[in-house]
Protein backbone atom coordinates (compact mmCIF):
# COMPACT_ATOMS: atom_id res chain seq x y z
CA UNK A 1 67.98 104.21 73.79
CA UNK A 2 64.32 104.01 74.17
CA UNK A 3 63.28 107.34 76.43
CA UNK A 4 59.85 105.55 77.55
CA UNK A 5 59.39 101.07 77.17
CA UNK A 6 56.07 100.13 76.85
CA UNK A 7 56.70 99.11 80.37
CA UNK A 8 57.30 102.02 82.48
CA UNK A 9 54.92 103.97 83.72
CA UNK A 10 53.46 106.76 82.29
CA UNK A 11 54.32 110.44 83.05
CA UNK A 12 50.66 111.13 83.47
CA UNK A 13 50.72 107.73 86.10
CA UNK A 14 53.26 109.52 87.84
CA UNK A 15 51.39 112.23 88.42
CA UNK A 16 48.59 110.99 89.10
CA UNK A 17 50.57 108.62 91.74
CA UNK A 18 52.17 112.12 93.24
CA UNK A 19 48.83 113.39 94.06
CA UNK A 20 47.92 110.00 96.13
CA UNK A 21 51.26 109.88 97.97
CA UNK A 22 51.10 113.18 98.78
CA UNK A 23 48.14 112.12 101.34
CA UNK A 24 51.43 110.76 103.65
CA UNK A 25 54.91 111.60 101.76
CA UNK A 26 56.83 114.87 102.72
CA UNK A 27 58.58 116.83 99.89
CA UNK A 28 62.14 116.34 101.43
CA UNK A 29 64.46 118.88 101.24
CA UNK A 30 66.90 119.12 98.45
CA UNK A 31 70.23 120.71 99.87
CA UNK A 32 73.41 121.97 98.19
CA UNK A 33 76.86 120.97 99.33
CA UNK A 34 79.87 122.60 98.41
CA UNK A 35 81.91 120.20 99.55
CA UNK A 36 81.01 117.45 96.57
CA UNK A 37 80.25 120.25 93.83
CA UNK A 38 84.25 121.14 94.41
CA UNK A 39 85.15 117.24 94.05
CA UNK A 40 82.88 116.70 91.37
CA UNK A 41 83.44 120.21 89.30
CA UNK A 42 80.10 121.07 89.24
CA UNK A 43 77.08 121.79 91.42
CA UNK A 44 75.88 118.68 93.57
CA UNK A 45 72.54 118.76 95.49
CA UNK A 46 71.17 115.95 97.69
CA UNK A 47 67.47 114.65 97.64
CA UNK A 48 67.18 114.21 101.21
CA UNK A 49 64.71 111.14 101.41
CA UNK A 50 66.73 110.05 104.74
CA UNK A 51 64.47 112.83 106.23
CA UNK A 52 61.50 111.34 104.81
CA UNK A 53 58.63 109.64 107.31
CA UNK A 54 59.27 105.99 107.92
CA UNK A 55 62.90 107.52 107.14
CA UNK A 56 62.78 105.93 103.69
CA UNK A 57 61.77 106.78 99.80
CA UNK A 58 59.84 103.14 100.22
CA UNK A 59 56.64 104.90 101.93
CA UNK A 60 56.13 106.31 98.39
CA UNK A 61 55.79 102.59 96.21
CA UNK A 62 54.52 101.58 99.49
CA UNK A 63 51.51 103.63 100.03
CA UNK A 64 50.60 104.24 95.96
CA UNK A 65 50.32 100.41 96.05
CA UNK A 66 47.83 99.72 98.94
CA UNK A 67 45.84 102.47 98.17
CA UNK A 68 45.09 100.82 94.44
CA UNK A 69 43.88 98.17 96.44
CA UNK A 70 40.04 97.19 96.28
CA UNK A 71 38.23 97.16 99.39
CA UNK A 72 37.70 93.70 98.96
CA UNK A 73 41.66 93.43 98.46
CA UNK A 74 41.67 95.48 101.73
CA UNK A 75 39.85 93.30 103.51
CA UNK A 76 42.38 90.65 103.31
CA UNK A 77 45.02 92.15 104.64
CA UNK A 78 48.36 92.82 103.01
CA UNK A 79 51.44 90.85 103.90
CA UNK A 80 55.28 91.95 103.17
CA UNK A 81 59.03 90.53 103.53
CA UNK A 82 61.69 93.03 104.96
CA UNK A 83 64.85 94.01 106.73
CA UNK A 84 64.17 97.60 107.39
CA UNK A 85 62.96 100.60 105.20
CA UNK A 86 60.31 98.23 103.13
CA UNK A 87 58.90 96.81 106.17
CA UNK A 88 58.13 100.32 107.41
CA UNK A 89 56.80 101.62 104.51
CA UNK A 90 53.69 98.90 104.57
CA UNK A 91 52.87 98.55 108.17
CA UNK A 92 52.88 103.09 108.08
CA UNK A 93 50.82 102.62 104.76
CA UNK A 94 48.74 99.95 105.94
CA UNK A 95 47.99 102.16 108.99
CA UNK A 96 47.35 105.14 107.22
CA UNK A 97 44.42 103.28 104.51
CA UNK A 98 43.21 101.11 107.32
CA UNK A 99 44.64 97.97 106.29
CA UNK A 100 45.88 94.55 108.14
CA UNK A 101 49.51 94.27 107.95
CA UNK A 102 52.01 91.33 108.34
CA UNK A 103 55.36 91.56 108.08
CA UNK A 104 58.21 88.72 108.47
CA UNK A 105 61.31 89.88 109.25
CA UNK A 106 64.98 87.93 109.77
CA UNK A 107 65.30 86.77 113.31
CA UNK A 108 68.08 89.13 113.41
CA UNK A 109 67.08 92.42 112.19
CA UNK A 110 68.42 95.91 114.08
CA UNK A 111 66.00 96.74 116.68
CA UNK A 112 65.36 100.02 115.92
CA UNK A 113 63.59 98.85 112.41
CA UNK A 114 61.33 95.94 114.42
CA UNK A 115 60.46 98.90 116.95
CA UNK A 116 59.53 100.80 114.10
CA UNK A 117 57.81 98.34 112.15
CA UNK A 118 55.26 97.06 115.55
CA UNK A 119 54.86 100.86 116.27
CA UNK A 120 53.29 101.72 113.21
CA UNK A 121 50.71 98.90 113.94
CA UNK A 122 51.80 95.91 112.04
CA UNK A 123 52.31 92.18 113.08
CA UNK A 124 55.66 91.08 112.73
CA UNK A 125 56.61 87.75 112.74
CA UNK A 126 60.64 86.90 112.80
CA UNK A 127 61.50 84.01 110.56
CA UNK A 128 64.95 82.95 109.39
CA UNK A 129 68.51 84.62 109.47
CA UNK A 130 68.74 86.36 106.06
CA UNK A 131 66.34 87.68 104.12
CA UNK A 132 65.22 84.81 101.53
CA UNK A 133 63.47 82.70 104.20
CA UNK A 134 61.16 86.34 105.27
CA UNK A 135 60.56 86.55 101.81
CA UNK A 136 59.41 82.44 101.44
CA UNK A 137 57.41 82.87 104.28
CA UNK A 138 55.48 86.14 103.25
CA UNK A 139 54.54 84.14 100.21
CA UNK A 140 53.11 81.14 101.92
CA UNK A 141 51.79 83.42 104.28
CA UNK A 142 49.91 85.30 100.88
CA UNK A 143 48.63 81.84 99.30
CA UNK A 144 47.23 80.49 102.40
CA UNK A 145 45.31 83.72 104.15
CA UNK A 146 44.82 85.33 100.72
CA UNK A 147 46.25 88.37 101.68
CA UNK A 148 47.86 90.60 99.42
CA UNK A 149 51.42 90.29 98.85
CA UNK A 150 53.24 93.92 98.91
CA UNK A 151 56.74 93.16 96.56
CA UNK A 152 59.55 95.84 97.56
CA UNK A 153 60.21 97.04 94.17
CA UNK A 154 59.21 94.30 90.95
CA UNK A 155 55.39 95.77 90.96
CA UNK A 156 54.13 98.71 88.77
CA UNK A 157 52.09 100.47 91.42
CA UNK A 158 55.52 100.83 93.54
CA UNK A 159 57.72 101.76 91.11
CA UNK A 160 55.10 104.66 89.98
CA UNK A 161 54.71 105.31 93.42
CA UNK A 162 58.69 105.72 93.46
CA UNK A 163 58.65 107.84 90.72
CA UNK A 164 57.59 110.73 92.67
CA UNK A 165 60.72 111.58 93.78
CA UNK A 166 61.71 112.10 90.47
CA UNK A 167 59.12 114.81 90.13
CA UNK A 168 60.16 116.71 92.69
CA UNK A 169 64.08 116.46 91.70
CA UNK A 170 62.88 118.21 87.98
CA UNK A 171 61.27 120.92 90.70
CA UNK A 172 63.54 121.62 93.34
CA UNK A 173 67.13 121.24 90.38
CA UNK A 174 65.09 122.17 86.90
CA UNK A 175 68.64 122.25 85.28
CA UNK A 176 69.64 118.41 86.11
CA UNK A 177 72.04 116.74 83.84
CA UNK A 178 72.81 113.90 86.37
CA UNK A 179 71.03 111.84 89.01
CA UNK A 180 72.59 109.36 90.88
CA UNK A 181 70.74 106.76 92.73
CA UNK A 182 71.27 103.86 95.19
CA UNK A 183 70.19 100.56 93.63
CA UNK A 184 69.44 97.19 94.68
CA UNK A 185 66.48 95.39 93.27
CA UNK A 186 65.64 98.30 91.18
CA UNK A 187 62.84 99.99 92.02
CA UNK A 188 63.63 103.63 92.99
CA UNK A 189 65.62 104.13 89.90
CA UNK A 190 63.32 102.39 87.89
CA UNK A 191 60.71 105.05 89.04
CA UNK A 192 62.86 108.14 89.04
CA UNK A 193 64.91 107.15 85.64
CA UNK A 194 60.58 106.56 83.75
CA UNK A 195 59.84 110.31 85.15
CA UNK A 196 63.31 111.91 84.01
CA UNK A 197 63.58 110.69 80.95
CA UNK A 198 59.87 111.06 79.70
CA UNK A 199 60.11 114.69 80.98
CA UNK A 200 63.49 115.18 79.30
CA UNK A 201 62.36 114.02 76.29
CA UNK A 202 59.57 116.21 76.03
CA UNK A 203 62.01 119.24 76.46
CA UNK A 204 64.40 118.19 74.17
CA UNK A 205 67.19 117.58 76.14
CA UNK A 206 68.97 114.62 77.86
CA UNK A 207 69.36 113.82 81.34
CA UNK A 208 71.74 110.51 82.69
CA UNK A 209 70.60 108.40 85.28
CA UNK A 210 73.81 106.80 87.07
CA UNK A 211 72.26 103.71 89.42
CA UNK A 212 74.94 102.90 92.17
CA UNK A 213 75.44 99.63 94.30
CA UNK A 214 77.54 97.77 96.48
CA UNK A 215 80.19 96.02 94.97
CA UNK A 216 79.24 92.59 97.07
CA UNK A 217 76.09 92.95 96.20
CA UNK A 218 75.83 93.95 92.56
CA UNK A 219 73.74 91.96 90.42
CA UNK A 220 72.47 94.41 88.08
CA UNK A 221 75.94 94.22 86.16
CA UNK A 222 75.93 90.67 85.28
CA UNK A 223 72.29 90.40 84.06
CA UNK A 224 72.70 93.64 82.23
CA UNK A 225 76.22 91.78 80.04
CA UNK A 226 73.52 88.41 80.33
CA UNK A 227 70.20 90.64 78.75
CA UNK A 228 68.24 89.01 81.71
CA UNK A 229 68.11 89.12 85.85
CA UNK A 230 70.97 86.95 86.85
CA UNK A 231 70.48 85.68 90.65
CA UNK A 232 74.05 86.54 92.55
CA UNK A 233 75.76 85.46 95.83
CA UNK A 234 75.48 88.08 98.05
CA UNK A 235 78.47 88.60 99.88
CA UNK A 236 78.76 90.19 103.01
CA UNK A 237 78.79 94.37 103.02
CA UNK A 238 77.22 97.18 105.61
CA UNK A 239 74.64 98.47 102.37
CA UNK A 240 72.06 95.60 103.95
CA UNK A 241 69.01 98.18 102.54
CA UNK A 242 70.57 97.23 98.87
CA UNK A 243 71.06 93.71 98.87
CA UNK A 244 69.08 91.96 96.61
CA UNK A 245 70.86 88.59 94.76
CA UNK A 246 68.35 89.30 91.58
CA UNK A 247 66.66 91.94 89.64
CA UNK A 248 62.70 92.28 89.60
CA UNK A 249 61.79 91.33 86.47
CA UNK A 250 60.08 94.80 85.53
CA UNK A 251 62.67 97.04 87.08
CA UNK A 252 65.47 95.30 84.61
CA UNK A 253 63.14 95.99 81.62
CA UNK A 254 63.24 99.63 82.31
CA UNK A 255 66.96 100.01 83.65
CA UNK A 256 68.07 98.31 80.37
CA UNK A 257 66.47 100.75 78.60
CA UNK A 258 66.66 103.53 80.61
CA UNK A 259 69.57 103.74 82.95
CA UNK A 260 72.79 105.39 81.40
CA UNK A 261 75.42 103.36 83.18
CA UNK A 262 75.50 101.26 86.36
CA UNK A 263 78.63 101.67 89.09
CA UNK A 264 80.01 99.43 92.26
CA UNK A 265 81.52 101.03 95.14
CA UNK A 266 83.28 99.12 97.92
CA UNK A 267 82.91 98.70 101.85
CA UNK A 268 85.30 101.46 102.50
CA UNK A 269 84.29 104.13 100.14
CA UNK A 270 80.78 103.69 101.66
CA UNK A 271 82.08 103.83 105.15
CA UNK A 272 83.87 107.09 103.93
CA UNK A 273 80.34 109.00 102.69
CA UNK A 274 78.74 108.36 105.96
CA UNK A 275 81.55 110.40 107.65
CA UNK A 276 81.53 113.03 104.84
CA UNK A 277 77.92 112.96 105.11
CA UNK A 278 77.85 113.43 108.73
CA UNK A 279 80.63 116.14 108.82
CA UNK A 280 80.20 117.93 105.86
CA UNK A 281 76.51 117.72 105.21
CA UNK A 282 75.74 116.92 108.89
CA UNK A 283 72.83 114.25 107.44
CA UNK A 284 72.70 110.96 109.02
CA UNK A 285 72.20 107.92 106.45
CA UNK A 286 72.03 104.79 106.57
CA UNK A 287 74.63 103.07 104.34
CA UNK A 288 72.84 101.93 101.53
CA UNK A 289 71.25 105.68 100.98
CA UNK A 290 74.91 106.64 101.51
CA UNK A 291 75.87 104.47 98.49
CA UNK A 292 75.66 107.59 95.78
CA UNK A 293 78.36 109.82 97.82
CA UNK A 294 80.41 106.90 98.11
CA UNK A 295 80.43 106.76 94.31
CA UNK A 296 81.36 110.44 94.10
CA UNK A 297 84.01 110.02 96.49
CA UNK A 298 85.78 107.07 94.98
CA UNK A 299 86.00 108.93 91.56
CA UNK A 300 83.06 106.45 89.77
CA UNK A 301 81.38 108.89 88.57
CA UNK A 302 81.63 111.40 85.49
CA UNK A 303 79.11 114.25 85.63
CA UNK A 304 78.32 117.05 83.03
CA UNK A 305 76.04 119.83 84.52
CA UNK A 306 74.01 119.84 87.89
CA UNK A 307 73.80 116.51 89.53
CA UNK A 308 71.87 115.15 92.21
CA UNK A 309 72.57 112.31 94.36
CA UNK A 310 69.91 110.53 96.21
CA UNK A 311 70.38 109.66 100.23
CA UNK A 312 67.16 106.84 100.00
CA UNK A 313 67.28 106.18 103.55
CA UNK A 314 68.45 106.82 106.73
CA UNK A 315 67.54 104.02 109.54
CA UNK A 316 70.65 102.84 110.70
CA UNK A 317 71.14 101.18 113.57
CA UNK A 318 73.66 103.65 116.15
CA UNK A 319 75.49 100.37 117.57
CA UNK A 320 76.45 99.97 113.47
CA UNK A 321 76.39 103.64 112.75
CA UNK A 322 79.12 103.51 115.57
CA UNK A 323 80.96 100.87 114.16
CA UNK A 324 80.96 102.66 110.40
CA UNK A 325 81.81 105.62 111.66
CA UNK A 326 84.97 104.03 112.66
CA UNK A 327 85.41 101.74 109.91
CA UNK A 328 85.54 105.23 107.70
CA UNK A 329 88.12 107.10 109.96
CA UNK A 330 90.00 104.63 109.41
CA UNK A 331 89.42 104.18 105.50
CA UNK A 332 90.27 107.40 105.60
CA UNK A 333 93.30 107.14 107.32
CA UNK A 334 92.39 109.34 110.26
CA UNK A 335 92.60 105.96 112.65
CA UNK A 336 96.45 104.69 112.92
CA UNK A 337 96.77 101.68 114.48
CA UNK A 338 100.61 101.26 115.39
CA UNK A 339 102.20 98.56 116.73
CA UNK A 340 105.66 99.37 118.30
CA UNK A 341 108.25 96.92 119.24
CA UNK A 342 110.15 98.94 122.70
CA UNK A 343 112.91 97.93 124.98
CA UNK A 344 111.32 96.60 127.95
CA UNK A 345 111.95 98.48 130.43
CA UNK A 346 110.56 101.95 132.59
CA UNK A 347 109.55 104.92 130.85
CA UNK A 348 108.89 103.83 127.43
CA UNK A 349 105.31 104.00 127.44
CA UNK A 350 105.41 107.30 128.60
CA UNK A 351 107.77 108.49 126.58
CA UNK A 352 106.15 106.77 122.96
CA UNK A 353 103.05 108.48 124.19
CA UNK A 354 104.67 112.31 124.86
CA UNK A 355 106.07 112.01 121.01
CA UNK A 356 102.71 111.23 120.00
CA UNK A 357 100.98 114.09 121.90
CA UNK A 358 104.01 116.75 120.39
CA UNK A 359 102.70 115.69 117.57
CA UNK A 360 98.74 116.58 118.38
CA UNK A 361 97.84 113.42 117.61
CA UNK A 362 95.41 111.47 120.52
CA UNK A 363 95.66 108.44 121.45
CA UNK A 364 92.51 106.91 122.39
CA UNK A 365 94.02 102.92 123.00
CA UNK A 366 96.30 101.15 124.47
CA UNK A 367 97.70 97.99 124.38
CA UNK A 368 101.33 96.77 126.34
CA UNK A 369 102.11 93.58 126.10
CA UNK A 370 105.13 90.98 126.47
CA UNK A 371 103.50 87.95 123.92
CA UNK A 372 103.79 89.80 120.72
CA UNK A 373 104.84 87.31 118.56
CA UNK A 374 108.33 88.09 116.67
CA UNK A 375 109.66 90.03 120.12
CA UNK A 376 112.59 89.30 121.50
CA UNK A 377 113.08 88.14 125.13
CA UNK A 378 113.75 91.88 126.48
CA UNK A 379 110.93 93.91 124.31
CA UNK A 380 107.56 94.22 124.89
CA UNK A 381 104.69 95.66 122.03
CA UNK A 382 102.87 98.46 122.44
CA UNK A 383 100.03 98.75 120.59
CA UNK A 384 98.61 102.26 120.13
CA UNK A 385 95.16 103.39 118.48
CA UNK A 386 95.98 107.39 117.65
CA UNK A 387 93.32 109.89 115.97
CA UNK A 388 95.06 112.03 113.26
CA UNK A 389 94.02 114.41 111.17
CA UNK A 390 94.30 112.72 107.74
CA UNK A 391 97.15 110.79 106.30
CA UNK A 392 99.85 113.92 105.69
CA UNK A 393 99.11 113.79 110.02
CA UNK A 394 99.59 110.80 110.01
CA UNK A 395 102.88 110.51 108.16
CA UNK A 396 104.50 113.39 110.81
CA UNK A 397 103.41 110.89 113.44
CA UNK A 398 104.94 108.26 112.22
CA UNK A 399 108.31 110.52 111.25
CA UNK A 400 108.50 111.48 115.04
CA UNK A 401 108.24 107.69 116.57
CA UNK A 402 111.13 106.89 114.07
CA UNK A 403 113.32 110.01 114.70
CA UNK A 404 113.35 108.50 118.35
CA UNK A 405 114.39 105.21 116.97
CA UNK A 406 111.56 103.32 117.29
CA UNK A 407 109.73 101.24 114.51
CA UNK A 408 106.30 102.04 114.34
CA UNK A 409 104.46 99.26 111.84
CA UNK A 410 100.75 100.29 110.60
CA UNK A 411 98.48 97.24 111.68
CA UNK A 412 95.17 97.11 109.29
């Protein structure tokens, strides 16, 4: 595996970009996670780009690209298409540099992301219901107006800007041996891997770079197998920030040459990761930004030596967070949904609730009906939604109900 393919930005390029990017981007915190360290068996550090200005790493590549435009290009304005983080990065960078920005976003974009993009001064145009439609509209706008199209990942200036994150990792964890990176189109991991691999080669050591994709939006595994970018049909995923159907051409070349491994995580893994980050690290992270931690929790990563997991963004709609946390609780078996057939006579609901209370579990929702399928005419069905402390506690609740003569059935 070559350490610096011809298409990779050089360390000098990335150092120069860091000077540029430092005008707007923060050096984000590096937090140590004792919980993840114990789980993985090596020290694990969290690179908190969820705390970056605009809420994600995207500001790095966007600002570096815009800062390199000529005066004539700036006068023409810029255009981009995004469902969130890239939109905010471009809008913020354009405001700082005094450039007019037009951003195409899907009609169903989360309200906080829409408001933030407009708040940075960009003109937002809502178009279509998927990311593909705004992308086409942005390309047409660039062609008809002369505005400069700012791609989210497939451009050397964007990749170089994202690579500045790799330099920060090297300074904050000098002995790092493994870096885990969320992957969508590939701009972040291409830049970070370029910085890490070249510095490691100069120091005579190796740093492993592992990419993580959502299982329902994993275009890189089939692309790497085919030897060229392959377009896939993206399935539903809570990690919408990395739901990209086809790798960028330049990104693919760099990832093929520099990245050691690409793994995938499912929706339950990601929901659990969000929950762990909230509870254990007190960090709010969007699903796409948490897949690096999901890879650790699901056992997809084998690390040697100090490990850094990049939390790439924190822009999550509170309504989405509510659903994801509930899903994470269920996936962690801390949220139990039971259906219990009961004799249709007074006192059964109170007795059942009492048994649950005796086990120190909390009933959060109750549905009592005579119309459940499979019920006898003398029966009713009780549906209980219960909070527990985990799988072992849930089993205690079930055992207590069975010991009392009930037949609780766990429902999805």
